[in-house]
């Protein structure tokens, strides 16, 4: 973990200075109609030739606010696991001001609190989702995108027990009723738990870049119909905010590491197989929040 921590420290320092270390990739959004371009520093991992080893790479993408969405995945008010509820609350308090500032810059805010939409049936942001014209996707949108072992191998953690790290483990269920109240839902936002609606909104608004925050990385963030796997297949460009996500992982399961280290292992898995990551600090600096 020491090497990974040092890598993230260098990432933060380089990004804050307006440059990145070695082998920088600078990508440009091609539409000139969506506001002044802003910078999004990112990190990914590239497989070395003829090897099972990976090398960390850093880059910056130039994005335009109106072509960018922050997607908030399953940040429920309550989880069946008490530890997950506590961590989700801590994340909500941390992400709320970032989301508000990004909205003020013109970034689209998409709330996806699955299985709680009755709570929002009269909210303007929910009505907007119901009114969006359907777009024809280039590939089918699945209800759930499962682990693809041929592409990504197995997850680096064993979450087969549900991932609750309480002792004894909590009883599983569905106690959530709404999104965590610390996160503001503005009238101009979008509320859905349907990948077809979310994709249609992205097409309607010309959104190209989707920045993911929320939980849980090894489950819903990757697997939902609006998650990273599906949106990658639809041609969107996803990014995961590494310090605004969490895993369902019990350290009493393989690989028998502390919970936070298990989360970092899953984040590395995402960087290797699905999309780059950024951090809340580098995101705020890049978007001039």
C-alpha atoms as a PDB file:
ATOM      1  CA  UNK A   1       0.000   0.000   0.000  1.00  0.00           C
ATOM      2  CA  UNK A   2       2.960   2.370   0.557  1.00  0.00           C
ATOM      3  CA  UNK A   3       3.744   2.506  -3.200  1.00  0.00           C
ATOM      4  CA  UNK A   4       0.083   3.149  -4.029  1.00  0.00           C
ATOM      5  CA  UNK A   5      -0.176   5.912  -1.427  1.00  0.00           C
ATOM      6  CA  UNK A   6       2.977   7.583  -2.730  1.00  0.00           C
ATOM      7  CA  UNK A   7       1.663   7.337  -6.286  1.00  0.00           C
ATOM      8  CA  UNK A   8      -1.551   9.094  -5.305  1.00  0.00           C
ATOM      9  CA  UNK A   9       0.438  11.781  -3.465  1.00  0.00           C
ATOM     10  CA  UNK A  10       2.464  12.466  -6.603  1.00  0.00           C
ATOM     11  CA  UNK A  11      -0.734  12.483  -8.660  1.00  0.00           C
ATOM     12  CA  UNK A  12      -2.272  15.161  -6.428  1.00  0.00           C
ATOM     13  CA  UNK A  13       0.876  17.281  -6.385  1.00  0.00           C
ATOM     14  CA  UNK A  14       1.392  17.132 -10.137  1.00  0.00           C
ATOM     15  CA  UNK A  15      -2.230  17.879 -10.896  1.00  0.00           C
ATOM     16  CA  UNK A  16      -2.311  20.862  -8.551  1.00  0.00           C
ATOM     17  CA  UNK A  17       0.743  22.239 -10.339  1.00  0.00           C
ATOM     18  CA  UNK A  18      -1.063  22.009 -13.668  1.00  0.00           C
ATOM     19  CA  UNK A  19       1.133  19.241 -15.044  1.00  0.00           C
ATOM     20  CA  UNK A  20       1.448  15.493 -14.731  1.00  0.00           C
ATOM     21  CA  UNK A  21       4.374  13.118 -14.408  1.00  0.00           C
ATOM     22  CA  UNK A  22       5.995  11.204 -17.275  1.00  0.00           C
ATOM     23  CA  UNK A  23       4.206  10.013 -20.412  1.00  0.00           C
ATOM     24  CA  UNK A  24       1.348  12.500 -20.126  1.00  0.00           C
ATOM     25  CA  UNK A  25      -1.602  11.971 -22.410  1.00  0.00           C
ATOM     26  CA  UNK A  26      -3.570  15.158 -23.145  1.00  0.00           C
ATOM     27  CA  UNK A  27      -6.923  14.552 -24.818  1.00  0.00           C
ATOM     28  CA  UNK A  28      -9.187  17.199 -26.267  1.00  0.00           C
ATOM     29  CA  UNK A  29     -12.946  17.369 -26.529  1.00  0.00           C
ATOM     30  CA  UNK A  30     -13.803  18.350 -30.102  1.00  0.00           C
ATOM     31  CA  UNK A  31     -17.023  20.338 -29.616  1.00  0.00           C
ATOM     32  CA  UNK A  32     -16.463  24.088 -29.258  1.00  0.00           C
ATOM     33  CA  UNK A  33     -20.062  24.876 -28.299  1.00  0.00           C
ATOM     34  CA  UNK A  34     -20.284  23.690 -24.702  1.00  0.00           C
ATOM     35  CA  UNK A  35     -18.418  26.328 -22.710  1.00  0.00           C
ATOM     36  CA  UNK A  36     -14.756  26.976 -21.947  1.00  0.00           C
ATOM     37  CA  UNK A  37     -12.722  23.772 -21.696  1.00  0.00           C
ATOM     38  CA  UNK A  38     -11.668  22.647 -18.240  1.00  0.00           C
ATOM     39  CA  UNK A  39      -9.052  20.097 -17.207  1.00  0.00           C
ATOM     40  CA  UNK A  40      -9.723  16.682 -15.707  1.00  0.00           C
ATOM     41  CA  UNK A  41      -6.530  14.927 -14.545  1.00  0.00           C
ATOM     42  CA  UNK A  42      -6.778  11.153 -14.506  1.00  0.00           C
ATOM     43  CA  UNK A  43      -4.866   7.972 -13.808  1.00  0.00           C
ATOM     44  CA  UNK A  44      -5.083   4.563 -15.492  1.00  0.00           C
ATOM     45  CA  UNK A  45      -3.034   1.398 -15.698  1.00  0.00           C
ATOM     46  CA  UNK A  46      -1.595  -0.078 -18.873  1.00  0.00           C
ATOM     47  CA  UNK A  47      -0.592  -3.711 -19.243  1.00  0.00           C
ATOM     48  CA  UNK A  48       3.057  -4.219 -20.095  1.00  0.00           C
ATOM     49  CA  UNK A  49       3.769  -6.204 -23.294  1.00  0.00           C
ATOM     50  CA  UNK A  50       4.023  -9.977 -22.797  1.00  0.00           C
ATOM     51  CA  UNK A  51       3.455  -9.578 -19.066  1.00  0.00           C
ATOM     52  CA  UNK A  52       0.840  -9.764 -16.349  1.00  0.00           C
ATOM     53  CA  UNK A  53       2.253  -6.564 -14.841  1.00  0.00           C
ATOM     54  CA  UNK A  54       0.736  -3.096 -15.224  1.00  0.00           C
ATOM     55  CA  UNK A  55       2.269   0.363 -15.354  1.00  0.00           C
ATOM     56  CA  UNK A  56       0.571   3.469 -13.947  1.00  0.00           C
ATOM     57  CA  UNK A  57      -0.072   6.222 -16.476  1.00  0.00           C
ATOM     58  CA  UNK A  58      -1.285   9.759 -15.958  1.00  0.00           C
ATOM     59  CA  UNK A  59      -3.023  12.199 -18.235  1.00  0.00           C
ATOM     60  CA  UNK A  60      -5.388  15.124 -18.578  1.00  0.00           C
ATOM     61  CA  UNK A  61      -8.553  15.336 -20.622  1.00  0.00           C
ATOM     62  CA  UNK A  62      -9.953  18.680 -21.719  1.00  0.00           C
ATOM     63  CA  UNK A  63     -13.685  18.623 -21.114  1.00  0.00           C
ATOM     64  CA  UNK A  64     -16.547  21.070 -21.476  1.00  0.00           C
ATOM     65  CA  UNK A  65     -19.084  21.333 -18.648  1.00  0.00           C
ATOM     66  CA  UNK A  66     -22.183  20.882 -20.803  1.00  0.00           C
ATOM     67  CA  UNK A  67     -20.687  17.696 -22.265  1.00  0.00           C
ATOM     68  CA  UNK A  68     -20.004  16.280 -18.796  1.00  0.00           C
ATOM     69  CA  UNK A  69     -22.158  14.591 -16.161  1.00  0.00           C
ATOM     70  CA  UNK A  70     -21.492  13.558 -12.589  1.00  0.00           C
ATOM     71  CA  UNK A  71     -23.432  10.358 -11.967  1.00  0.00           C
ATOM     72  CA  UNK A  72     -24.234   9.572  -8.320  1.00  0.00           C
ATOM     73  CA  UNK A  73     -24.699   5.822  -7.893  1.00  0.00           C
ATOM     74  CA  UNK A  74     -26.839   4.344  -5.103  1.00  0.00           C
ATOM     75  CA  UNK A  75     -25.937   6.834  -2.390  1.00  0.00           C
ATOM     76  CA  UNK A  76     -28.813   5.632  -0.238  1.00  0.00           C
ATOM     77  CA  UNK A  77     -29.951   7.048   3.089  1.00  0.00           C
ATOM     78  CA  UNK A  78     -29.557   3.617   4.674  1.00  0.00           C
ATOM     79  CA  UNK A  79     -27.914   0.308   3.806  1.00  0.00           C
ATOM     80  CA  UNK A  80     -28.564  -3.139   5.237  1.00  0.00           C
ATOM     81  CA  UNK A  81     -24.947  -3.161   6.447  1.00  0.00           C
ATOM     82  CA  UNK A  82     -24.368  -0.708   9.310  1.00  0.00           C
ATOM     83  CA  UNK A  83     -20.747  -0.107   8.323  1.00  0.00           C
ATOM     84  CA  UNK A  84     -21.783   0.605   4.734  1.00  0.00           C
ATOM     85  CA  UNK A  85     -24.405   3.080   6.004  1.00  0.00           C
ATOM     86  CA  UNK A  86     -21.770   4.898   8.049  1.00  0.00           C
ATOM     87  CA  UNK A  87     -19.261   5.078   5.205  1.00  0.00           C
ATOM     88  CA  UNK A  88     -21.947   6.171   2.733  1.00  0.00           C
ATOM     89  CA  UNK A  89     -22.892   9.017   5.062  1.00  0.00           C
ATOM     90  CA  UNK A  90     -19.276  10.137   5.272  1.00  0.00           C
ATOM     91  CA  UNK A  91     -18.974  10.049   1.482  1.00  0.00           C
ATOM     92  CA  UNK A  92     -22.221  12.008   1.070  1.00  0.00           C
ATOM     93  CA  UNK A  93     -20.968  14.819   3.283  1.00  0.00           C
ATOM     94  CA  UNK A  94     -17.716  14.937   1.310  1.00  0.00           C
ATOM     95  CA  UNK A  95     -19.226  14.823  -2.178  1.00  0.00           C
ATOM     96  CA  UNK A  96     -22.134  17.233  -1.579  1.00  0.00           C
ATOM     97  CA  UNK A  97     -20.174  20.529  -1.881  1.00  0.00           C
ATOM     98  CA  UNK A  98     -18.280  19.230  -4.934  1.00  0.00           C
ATOM     99  CA  UNK A  99     -21.554  18.357  -6.658  1.00  0.00           C
ATOM    100  CA  UNK A 100     -23.053  21.764  -5.878  1.00  0.00           C
ATOM    101  CA  UNK A 101     -20.020  23.580  -7.262  1.00  0.00           C
ATOM    102  CA  UNK A 102     -19.901  21.395 -10.392  1.00  0.00           C
ATOM    103  CA  UNK A 103     -23.578  22.134 -11.033  1.00  0.00           C
ATOM    104  CA  UNK A 104     -22.768  25.831 -10.805  1.00  0.00           C
ATOM    105  CA  UNK A 105     -20.162  25.331 -13.545  1.00  0.00           C
ATOM    106  CA  UNK A 106     -22.767  23.815 -15.859  1.00  0.00           C
ATOM    107  CA  UNK A 107     -21.952  20.134 -15.285  1.00  0.00           C
ATOM    108  CA  UNK A 108     -25.034  17.877 -15.470  1.00  0.00           C
ATOM    109  CA  UNK A 109     -25.907  16.111 -12.204  1.00  0.00           C
ATOM    110  CA  UNK A 110     -27.512  12.678 -12.563  1.00  0.00           C
ATOM    111  CA  UNK A 111     -28.890  11.006  -9.417  1.00  0.00           C
ATOM    112  CA  UNK A 112     -29.320   7.221  -9.572  1.00  0.00           C
ATOM    113  CA  UNK A 113     -30.649   6.012  -6.187  1.00  0.00           C
ATOM    114  CA  UNK A 114     -31.929   2.616  -7.337  1.00  0.00           C
ATOM    115  CA  UNK A 115     -35.303   1.335  -6.119  1.00  0.00           C
ATOM    116  CA  UNK A 116     -36.271   4.599  -4.407  1.00  0.00           C
ATOM    117  CA  UNK A 117     -37.898   6.503  -7.272  1.00  0.00           C
ATOM    118  CA  UNK A 118     -41.371   6.565  -5.717  1.00  0.00           C
ATOM    119  CA  UNK A 119     -39.923   9.053  -3.250  1.00  0.00           C
ATOM    120  CA  UNK A 120     -39.176  11.405  -6.161  1.00  0.00           C
ATOM    121  CA  UNK A 121     -42.275  10.909  -8.323  1.00  0.00           C
ATOM    122  CA  UNK A 122     -43.253  14.590  -8.068  1.00  0.00           C
ATOM    123  CA  UNK A 123     -39.749  16.044  -8.279  1.00  0.00           C
ATOM    124  CA  UNK A 124     -38.994  18.082 -11.447  1.00  0.00           C
ATOM    125  CA  UNK A 125     -35.737  16.170 -11.906  1.00  0.00           C
ATOM    126  CA  UNK A 126     -37.680  12.890 -11.967  1.00  0.00           C
ATOM    127  CA  UNK A 127     -40.295  14.263 -14.351  1.00  0.00           C
ATOM    128  CA  UNK A 128     -37.468  15.312 -16.665  1.00  0.00           C
ATOM    129  CA  UNK A 129     -36.275  11.710 -16.789  1.00  0.00           C
ATOM    130  CA  UNK A 130     -39.750  10.446 -17.664  1.00  0.00           C
ATOM    131  CA  UNK A 131     -40.067  13.002 -20.468  1.00  0.00           C
ATOM    132  CA  UNK A 132     -36.706  12.412 -22.170  1.00  0.00           C
ATOM    133  CA  UNK A 133     -37.161  11.024 -25.717  1.00  0.00           C
ATOM    134  CA  UNK A 134     -35.755   7.491 -26.015  1.00  0.00           C
ATOM    135  CA  UNK A 135     -32.514   7.115 -27.949  1.00  0.00           C
ATOM    136  CA  UNK A 136     -31.541   4.006 -29.880  1.00  0.00           C
ATOM    137  CA  UNK A 137     -28.423   2.527 -28.221  1.00  0.00           C
ATOM    138  CA  UNK A 138     -25.601   1.085 -30.350  1.00  0.00           C
ATOM    139  CA  UNK A 139     -25.666  -2.088 -28.214  1.00  0.00           C
ATOM    140  CA  UNK A 140     -28.403  -3.530 -25.975  1.00  0.00           C
ATOM    141  CA  UNK A 141     -28.673  -2.036 -22.490  1.00  0.00           C
ATOM    142  CA  UNK A 142     -28.746  -4.848 -19.952  1.00  0.00           C
ATOM    143  CA  UNK A 143     -30.548  -4.734 -16.638  1.00  0.00           C
ATOM    144  CA  UNK A 144     -27.270  -5.746 -15.021  1.00  0.00           C
ATOM    145  CA  UNK A 145     -23.761  -6.018 -16.489  1.00  0.00           C
ATOM    146  CA  UNK A 146     -22.051  -8.923 -14.762  1.00  0.00           C
ATOM    147  CA  UNK A 147     -18.349  -9.525 -14.303  1.00  0.00           C
ATOM    148  CA  UNK A 148     -16.702 -10.321 -17.653  1.00  0.00           C
ATOM    149  CA  UNK A 149     -13.947 -12.748 -16.746  1.00  0.00           C
ATOM    150  CA  UNK A 150     -12.608 -12.961 -20.314  1.00  0.00           C
ATOM    151  CA  UNK A 151     -12.016  -9.200 -20.325  1.00  0.00           C
ATOM    152  CA  UNK A 152     -11.265  -8.379 -16.703  1.00  0.00           C
ATOM    153  CA  UNK A 153     -10.557 -11.646 -14.914  1.00  0.00           C
ATOM    154  CA  UNK A 154     -11.850 -12.073 -11.386  1.00  0.00           C
ATOM    155  CA  UNK A 155     -12.318  -9.252  -8.930  1.00  0.00           C
ATOM    156  CA  UNK A 156      -9.337  -8.865  -6.569  1.00  0.00           C
ATOM    157  CA  UNK A 157     -11.588  -9.286  -3.504  1.00  0.00           C
ATOM    158  CA  UNK A 158     -13.990 -12.030  -2.441  1.00  0.00           C
ATOM    159  CA  UNK A 159     -17.381 -10.373  -1.907  1.00  0.00           C
ATOM    160  CA  UNK A 160     -19.381 -13.610  -2.071  1.00  0.00           C
ATOM    161  CA  UNK A 161     -20.588 -13.179   1.522  1.00  0.00           C
ATOM    162  CA  UNK A 162     -22.215  -9.829   0.664  1.00  0.00           C
ATOM    163  CA  UNK A 163     -19.261  -7.805   1.862  1.00  0.00           C
ATOM    164  CA  UNK A 164     -20.538  -6.689   5.277  1.00  0.00           C
ATOM    165  CA  UNK A 165     -17.549  -6.117   7.554  1.00  0.00           C
ATOM    166  CA  UNK A 166     -19.623  -5.834  10.745  1.00  0.00           C
ATOM    167  CA  UNK A 167     -19.184  -8.575  13.324  1.00  0.00           C
ATOM    168  CA  UNK A 168     -21.538 -10.329  13.435  1.00  0.00           C
ATOM    169  CA  UNK A 169     -22.654  -9.550   9.904  1.00  0.00           C
ATOM    170  CA  UNK A 170     -25.873  -7.596   9.457  1.00  0.00           C
ATOM    171  CA  UNK A 171     -29.042  -9.161   8.106  1.00  0.00           C
ATOM    172  CA  UNK A 172     -29.405  -8.458   4.388  1.00  0.00           C
ATOM    173  CA  UNK A 173     -32.422  -6.556   3.083  1.00  0.00           C
ATOM    174  CA  UNK A 174     -33.490  -3.364   1.281  1.00  0.00           C
ATOM    175  CA  UNK A 175     -33.961  -0.630   3.909  1.00  0.00           C
ATOM    176  CA  UNK A 176     -33.154   2.316   1.610  1.00  0.00           C
ATOM    177  CA  UNK A 177     -35.978   4.748   0.838  1.00  0.00           C
ATOM    178  CA  UNK A 178     -34.242   7.715  -0.819  1.00  0.00           C
ATOM    179  CA  UNK A 179     -30.869   9.200  -1.677  1.00  0.00           C
ATOM    180  CA  UNK A 180     -28.797  10.437   1.267  1.00  0.00           C
ATOM    181  CA  UNK A 181     -30.275  13.821   2.259  1.00  0.00           C
ATOM    182  CA  UNK A 182     -26.852  15.483   2.454  1.00  0.00           C
ATOM    183  CA  UNK A 183     -26.777  15.497  -1.366  1.00  0.00           C
ATOM    184  CA  UNK A 184     -28.929  18.246  -2.868  1.00  0.00           C
ATOM    185  CA  UNK A 185     -31.158  17.393  -5.829  1.00  0.00           C
ATOM    186  CA  UNK A 186     -31.812  20.579  -7.800  1.00  0.00           C
ATOM    187  CA  UNK A 187     -34.748  21.082 -10.144  1.00  0.00           C
ATOM    188  CA  UNK A 188     -32.431  21.112 -13.159  1.00  0.00           C
ATOM    189  CA  UNK A 189     -30.905  17.720 -12.239  1.00  0.00           C
ATOM    190  CA  UNK A 190     -31.945  14.278 -13.523  1.00  0.00           C
ATOM    191  CA  UNK A 191     -33.217  11.318 -11.446  1.00  0.00           C
ATOM    192  CA  UNK A 192     -33.387   7.764 -12.772  1.00  0.00           C
ATOM    193  CA  UNK A 193     -32.330   4.196 -12.040  1.00  0.00           C
ATOM    194  CA  UNK A 194     -32.877   3.063 -15.643  1.00  0.00           C
ATOM    195  CA  UNK A 195     -29.882   2.815 -17.957  1.00  0.00           C
ATOM    196  CA  UNK A 196     -32.051   3.434 -21.020  1.00  0.00           C
ATOM    197  CA  UNK A 197     -33.325   6.713 -19.584  1.00  0.00           C
ATOM    198  CA  UNK A 198     -29.849   7.750 -18.500  1.00  0.00           C
ATOM    199  CA  UNK A 199     -28.350   6.961 -21.915  1.00  0.00           C
ATOM    200  CA  UNK A 200     -31.189   8.776 -23.683  1.00  0.00           C
ATOM    201  CA  UNK A 201     -30.538  11.845 -21.545  1.00  0.00           C
ATOM    202  CA  UNK A 202     -26.836  11.720 -22.374  1.00  0.00           C
ATOM    203  CA  UNK A 203     -27.665  11.577 -26.093  1.00  0.00           C
ATOM    204  CA  UNK A 204     -30.224  14.391 -25.807  1.00  0.00           C
ATOM    205  CA  UNK A 205     -27.780  16.657 -23.969  1.00  0.00           C
ATOM    206  CA  UNK A 206     -24.658  15.748 -25.965  1.00  0.00           C
ATOM    207  CA  UNK A 207     -22.886  14.355 -22.903  1.00  0.00           C
ATOM    208  CA  UNK A 208     -19.607  12.572 -23.632  1.00  0.00           C
ATOM    209  CA  UNK A 209     -17.877  12.319 -20.246  1.00  0.00           C
ATOM    210  CA  UNK A 210     -19.446  10.609 -17.209  1.00  0.00           C
ATOM    211  CA  UNK A 211     -17.782  11.075 -13.809  1.00  0.00           C
ATOM    212  CA  UNK A 212     -18.866   8.393 -11.316  1.00  0.00           C
ATOM    213  CA  UNK A 213     -19.225   8.853  -7.575  1.00  0.00           C
ATOM    214  CA  UNK A 214     -21.068   6.571  -5.155  1.00  0.00           C
ATOM    215  CA  UNK A 215     -21.248   2.958  -4.110  1.00  0.00           C
ATOM    216  CA  UNK A 216     -20.404   0.181  -4.261  1.00  0.00           C
ATOM    217  CA  UNK A 217     -17.493  -0.025  -6.674  1.00  0.00           C
ATOM    218  CA  UNK A 218     -17.368  -3.805  -6.957  1.00  0.00           C
ATOM    219  CA  UNK A 219     -21.138  -4.064  -7.371  1.00  0.00           C
ATOM    220  CA  UNK A 220     -23.480  -1.284  -8.516  1.00  0.00           C
ATOM    221  CA  UNK A 221     -20.929   1.245  -9.797  1.00  0.00           C
ATOM    222  CA  UNK A 222     -19.647  -1.343 -12.266  1.00  0.00           C
ATOM    223  CA  UNK A 223     -22.750  -3.450 -12.807  1.00  0.00           C
ATOM    224  CA  UNK A 224     -25.886  -1.294 -12.924  1.00  0.00           C
ATOM    225  CA  UNK A 225     -27.595  -0.556 -16.227  1.00  0.00           C
ATOM    226  CA  UNK A 226     -26.230   2.988 -15.841  1.00  0.00           C
ATOM    227  CA  UNK A 227     -22.863   1.805 -14.481  1.00  0.00           C
ATOM    228  CA  UNK A 228     -19.342   1.904 -15.828  1.00  0.00           C
ATOM    229  CA  UNK A 229     -19.438  -1.374 -17.765  1.00  0.00           C
ATOM    230  CA  UNK A 230     -22.628  -0.485 -19.622  1.00  0.00           C
ATOM    231  CA  UNK A 231     -21.798   3.131 -20.376  1.00  0.00           C
ATOM    232  CA  UNK A 232     -18.361   2.096 -21.648  1.00  0.00           C
ATOM    233  CA  UNK A 233     -20.033  -0.261 -24.111  1.00  0.00           C
ATOM    234  CA  UNK A 234     -22.341   2.548 -25.240  1.00  0.00           C
ATOM    235  CA  UNK A 235     -19.410   4.754 -26.202  1.00  0.00           C
ATOM    236  CA  UNK A 236     -19.426   7.149 -23.254  1.00  0.00           C
ATOM    237  CA  UNK A 237     -16.151   8.073 -21.547  1.00  0.00           C
ATOM    238  CA  UNK A 238     -16.401   7.170 -17.826  1.00  0.00           C
ATOM    239  CA  UNK A 239     -14.123   8.226 -14.979  1.00  0.00           C
ATOM    240  CA  UNK A 240     -14.283   7.059 -11.359  1.00  0.00           C
ATOM    241  CA  UNK A 241     -13.603   9.457  -8.465  1.00  0.00           C
ATOM    242  CA  UNK A 242     -11.464   7.172  -6.339  1.00  0.00           C
ATOM    243  CA  UNK A 243     -11.980   8.861  -2.979  1.00  0.00           C
ATOM    244  CA  UNK A 244     -15.752   9.227  -3.434  1.00  0.00           C
ATOM    245  CA  UNK A 245     -16.519   5.529  -3.711  1.00  0.00           C
ATOM    246  CA  UNK A 246     -16.420   2.454  -1.488  1.00  0.00           C
ATOM    247  CA  UNK A 247     -16.648  -1.322  -1.756  1.00  0.00           C
ATOM    248  CA  UNK A 248     -18.689  -4.018  -0.070  1.00  0.00           C
ATOM    249  CA  UNK A 249     -15.799  -6.030   1.311  1.00  0.00           C
ATOM    250  CA  UNK A 250     -15.300  -8.009   4.502  1.00  0.00           C
ATOM    251  CA  UNK A 251     -11.620  -8.203   5.546  1.00  0.00           C
ATOM    252  CA  UNK A 252     -12.294 -11.695   6.914  1.00  0.00           C
ATOM    253  CA  UNK A 253     -12.527 -12.817   3.267  1.00  0.00           C
ATOM    254  CA  UNK A 254      -9.714 -13.091   0.674  1.00  0.00           C
ATOM    255  CA  UNK A 255      -7.330 -11.403   0.216  1.00  0.00           C
ATOM    256  CA  UNK A 256      -7.618 -10.703   3.980  1.00  0.00           C
ATOM    257  CA  UNK A 257      -6.623  -7.034   3.871  1.00  0.00           C
ATOM    258  CA  UNK A 258      -8.156  -4.007   5.651  1.00  0.00           C
ATOM    259  CA  UNK A 259     -11.374  -2.655   4.151  1.00  0.00           C
ATOM    260  CA  UNK A 260      -9.768   0.475   2.670  1.00  0.00           C
ATOM    261  CA  UNK A 261      -7.063  -1.607   1.019  1.00  0.00           C
ATOM    262  CA  UNK A 262      -9.734  -3.863  -0.472  1.00  0.00           C
ATOM    263  CA  UNK A 263     -11.368  -0.763  -1.945  1.00  0.00           C
ATOM    264  CA  UNK A 264      -8.051   0.329  -3.437  1.00  0.00           C
ATOM    265  CA  UNK A 265      -7.627  -3.099  -5.035  1.00  0.00           C
ATOM    266  CA  UNK A 266     -10.992  -2.739  -6.759  1.00  0.00           C
ATOM    267  CA  UNK A 267     -10.117   0.787  -7.887  1.00  0.00           C
ATOM    268  CA  UNK A 268      -6.936  -0.611  -9.452  1.00  0.00           C
ATOM    269  CA  UNK A 269      -9.071  -3.250 -11.174  1.00  0.00           C
ATOM    270  CA  UNK A 270     -11.235  -0.489 -12.664  1.00  0.00           C
ATOM    271  CA  UNK A 271      -8.158   1.439 -13.824  1.00  0.00           C
ATOM    272  CA  UNK A 272      -6.795  -1.649 -15.561  1.00  0.00           C
ATOM    273  CA  UNK A 273      -9.915  -2.907 -17.269  1.00  0.00           C
ATOM    274  CA  UNK A 274     -12.587  -0.215 -17.553  1.00  0.00           C
ATOM    275  CA  UNK A 275     -11.749   3.447 -17.111  1.00  0.00           C
ATOM    276  CA  UNK A 276      -9.402   6.033 -15.605  1.00  0.00           C
ATOM    277  CA  UNK A 277      -9.814   7.418 -12.115  1.00  0.00           C
ATOM    278  CA  UNK A 278      -9.426  10.862 -10.624  1.00  0.00           C
ATOM    279  CA  UNK A 279      -9.795  12.256  -7.103  1.00  0.00           C
ATOM    280  CA  UNK A 280     -12.130  14.867  -5.641  1.00  0.00           C
ATOM    281  CA  UNK A 281      -9.212  17.242  -5.122  1.00  0.00           C
ATOM    282  CA  UNK A 282      -7.857  17.003  -8.652  1.00  0.00           C
ATOM    283  CA  UNK A 283     -11.400  17.163 -10.037  1.00  0.00           C
ATOM    284  CA  UNK A 284     -12.112  20.358  -8.083  1.00  0.00           C
ATOM    285  CA  UNK A 285      -8.819  21.904  -9.176  1.00  0.00           C
ATOM    286  CA  UNK A 286      -9.302  20.915 -12.815  1.00  0.00           C
ATOM    287  CA  UNK A 287     -12.860  22.227 -12.934  1.00  0.00           C
ATOM    288  CA  UNK A 288     -11.787  25.392 -11.068  1.00  0.00           C
ATOM    289  CA  UNK A 289     -14.330  24.733  -8.340  1.00  0.00           C
END
